[in-house]
């Protein structure tokens, strides 16, 4: 199975100048916890991501307001995968980077999709090469405290 088989196609994206108020509204409207940040709406080249956790930890906890720009709290240069990448590559990025979502980009680095941890879990029902054990292993590695990874 490949990333393109599971990904949500053409996810909503924002530019670095978008205000967090709008980012949060989009998360609510689209029922998602991660929005890719792209350099422009024309080419959609990924420059970062904003997650619901970023908003909580890097904005709200630090007293930043709703007019704060996405660029000020985004995770810059996230690890991405290609649509043709094997699902194991996506799982590896999730586990190694401790992220629950991986942006899928084309050869030019433009956002074409996103694979979430929930997509992996749903794949256990339809894909013979994705087992519950595989998903559990990824979830375990994503959830390890950072201090455990440094030991």
Protein backbone atom coordinates (compact mmCIF):
# COMPACT_ATOMS: atom_id res chain seq x y z
CA UNK A 1 0.00 0.00 0.00
CA UNK A 2 1.19 3.50 -0.83
CA UNK A 3 0.62 6.92 0.74
CA UNK A 4 -1.73 7.91 -2.09
CA UNK A 5 -4.01 4.98 -1.20
CA UNK A 6 -4.73 6.42 2.25
CA UNK A 7 -4.17 10.14 2.03
CA UNK A 8 -6.79 12.81 2.27
CA UNK A 9 -6.41 14.54 -1.05
CA UNK A 10 -5.97 18.31 -1.45
CA UNK A 11 -6.17 19.26 2.24
CA UNK A 12 -6.89 22.84 3.16
CA UNK A 13 -3.68 24.88 3.41
CA UNK A 14 -2.74 28.33 4.66
CA UNK A 15 0.09 30.74 3.91
CA UNK A 16 2.60 31.89 6.56
CA UNK A 17 0.77 35.23 6.86
CA UNK A 18 -2.56 33.65 7.83
CA UNK A 19 -3.76 34.58 11.33
CA UNK A 20 -4.16 31.81 13.89
CA UNK A 21 -7.82 32.74 14.28
CA UNK A 22 -8.38 31.64 10.66
CA UNK A 23 -6.20 28.54 11.05
CA UNK A 24 -8.22 27.45 14.10
CA UNK A 25 -11.50 28.18 12.27
CA UNK A 26 -10.36 26.01 9.35
CA UNK A 27 -9.45 23.20 11.75
CA UNK A 28 -12.94 23.38 13.22
CA UNK A 29 -14.65 23.53 9.81
CA UNK A 30 -12.60 20.69 8.32
CA UNK A 31 -12.46 18.63 11.52
CA UNK A 32 -8.68 18.33 11.38
CA UNK A 33 -5.79 18.94 13.74
CA UNK A 34 -3.07 19.82 11.23
CA UNK A 35 -2.94 22.33 8.43
CA UNK A 36 -0.03 22.53 5.99
CA UNK A 37 1.53 25.96 5.55
CA UNK A 38 2.42 26.69 1.93
CA UNK A 39 4.45 29.48 0.38
CA UNK A 40 1.52 30.54 -1.83
CA UNK A 41 -1.93 29.33 -2.77
CA UNK A 42 -0.74 29.04 -6.37
CA UNK A 43 2.03 26.48 -6.05
CA UNK A 44 1.26 25.06 -2.56
CA UNK A 45 4.94 24.30 -1.81
CA UNK A 46 5.04 23.16 1.82
CA UNK A 47 7.07 25.37 4.16
CA UNK A 48 5.59 24.19 7.46
CA UNK A 49 2.62 22.82 9.37
CA UNK A 50 0.44 24.15 12.17
CA UNK A 51 -1.16 21.63 14.50
CA UNK A 52 -3.76 22.08 17.20
CA UNK A 53 -0.93 21.35 19.66
CA UNK A 54 1.17 24.16 18.14
CA UNK A 55 -1.70 26.55 18.74
CA UNK A 56 -2.06 25.39 22.36
CA UNK A 57 1.65 25.23 23.26
CA UNK A 58 3.34 27.83 21.04
CA UNK A 59 0.57 30.40 20.98
CA UNK A 60 -1.97 30.21 23.81
CA UNK A 61 0.48 29.00 26.49
CA UNK A 62 2.86 31.80 25.55
CA UNK A 63 0.14 34.48 25.58
CA UNK A 64 0.04 35.03 21.83
CA UNK A 65 -3.25 36.26 20.46
CA UNK A 66 -5.51 35.18 17.59
CA UNK A 67 -3.88 37.66 15.21
CA UNK A 68 -0.51 35.88 15.52
CA UNK A 69 0.72 34.71 12.12
CA UNK A 70 1.04 31.03 11.26
CA UNK A 71 4.76 31.57 10.54
CA UNK A 72 5.31 32.49 14.20
CA UNK A 73 4.22 29.12 15.58
CA UNK A 74 4.45 26.66 12.70
CA UNK A 75 6.82 23.74 12.57
CA UNK A 76 9.06 24.73 9.67
CA UNK A 77 10.29 22.30 7.01
CA UNK A 78 8.33 19.23 8.12
CA UNK A 79 9.34 15.79 6.91
CA UNK A 80 7.02 14.88 4.05
CA UNK A 81 6.42 11.82 1.89
CA UNK A 82 5.58 11.31 -1.78
CA UNK A 83 2.32 9.79 -3.03
CA UNK A 84 4.16 6.69 -4.30
CA UNK A 85 6.01 6.10 -1.01
CA UNK A 86 5.23 2.81 0.67
CA UNK A 87 3.07 3.08 3.77
CA UNK A 88 6.05 1.86 5.81
CA UNK A 89 7.87 5.09 4.89
CA UNK A 90 4.95 7.16 6.19
CA UNK A 91 4.87 5.09 9.39
CA UNK A 92 8.62 5.59 9.82
CA UNK A 93 8.28 9.39 9.50
CA UNK A 94 5.45 9.40 12.05
CA UNK A 95 7.44 7.30 14.50
CA UNK A 96 10.82 8.98 13.99
CA UNK A 97 9.43 12.53 14.11
CA UNK A 98 6.75 11.75 16.73
CA UNK A 99 3.98 13.23 14.60
CA UNK A 100 0.44 12.03 14.03
CA UNK A 101 0.16 13.38 10.49
CA UNK A 102 2.47 13.42 7.47
CA UNK A 103 2.04 15.83 4.59
CA UNK A 104 2.21 14.23 1.15
CA UNK A 105 3.90 16.31 -1.55
CA UNK A 106 4.54 15.95 -5.27
CA UNK A 107 8.00 16.05 -6.84
CA UNK A 108 7.97 19.87 -6.64
CA UNK A 109 7.20 19.88 -2.90
CA UNK A 110 3.60 20.99 -3.41
CA UNK A 111 0.98 19.67 -1.00
CA UNK A 112 -1.24 17.02 -2.56
CA UNK A 113 -2.46 15.19 0.54
CA UNK A 114 -2.03 14.24 4.16
CA UNK A 115 -1.96 10.90 5.98
CA UNK A 116 -3.10 10.87 9.59
CA UNK A 117 -2.63 8.28 12.29
CA UNK A 118 -6.38 7.62 12.03
CA UNK A 119 -5.93 6.74 8.35
CA UNK A 120 -3.46 4.04 9.37
CA UNK A 121 -5.90 2.66 11.90
CA UNK A 122 -8.69 2.51 9.31
CA UNK A 123 -6.35 0.78 6.85
CA UNK A 124 -6.18 -2.28 9.10
CA UNK A 125 -9.72 -3.11 7.97
CA UNK A 126 -9.01 -3.00 4.22
CA UNK A 127 -5.29 -3.45 3.61
CA UNK A 128 -3.79 -6.87 4.25
CA UNK A 129 -0.29 -5.41 4.66
CA UNK A 130 -1.34 -3.05 7.50
CA UNK A 131 -1.83 -4.84 10.79
CA UNK A 132 -3.14 -3.64 14.11
CA UNK A 133 0.26 -4.49 15.55
CA UNK A 134 1.95 -2.17 13.01
CA UNK A 135 -0.37 0.68 13.97
CA UNK A 136 0.13 0.00 17.68
CA UNK A 137 3.90 0.14 17.23
CA UNK A 138 3.65 3.50 15.43
CA UNK A 139 1.30 4.93 18.07
CA UNK A 140 3.65 3.74 20.82
CA UNK A 141 6.67 5.41 19.21
CA UNK A 142 4.74 8.64 18.52
CA UNK A 143 3.63 8.77 22.14
CA UNK A 144 6.99 8.23 23.83
CA UNK A 145 8.10 11.16 25.94
CA UNK A 146 10.93 13.07 24.30
CA UNK A 147 13.18 12.26 27.27
CA UNK A 148 12.80 8.53 26.53
CA UNK A 149 14.05 9.09 22.98
CA UNK A 150 17.20 10.81 24.20
CA UNK A 151 18.18 8.00 26.57
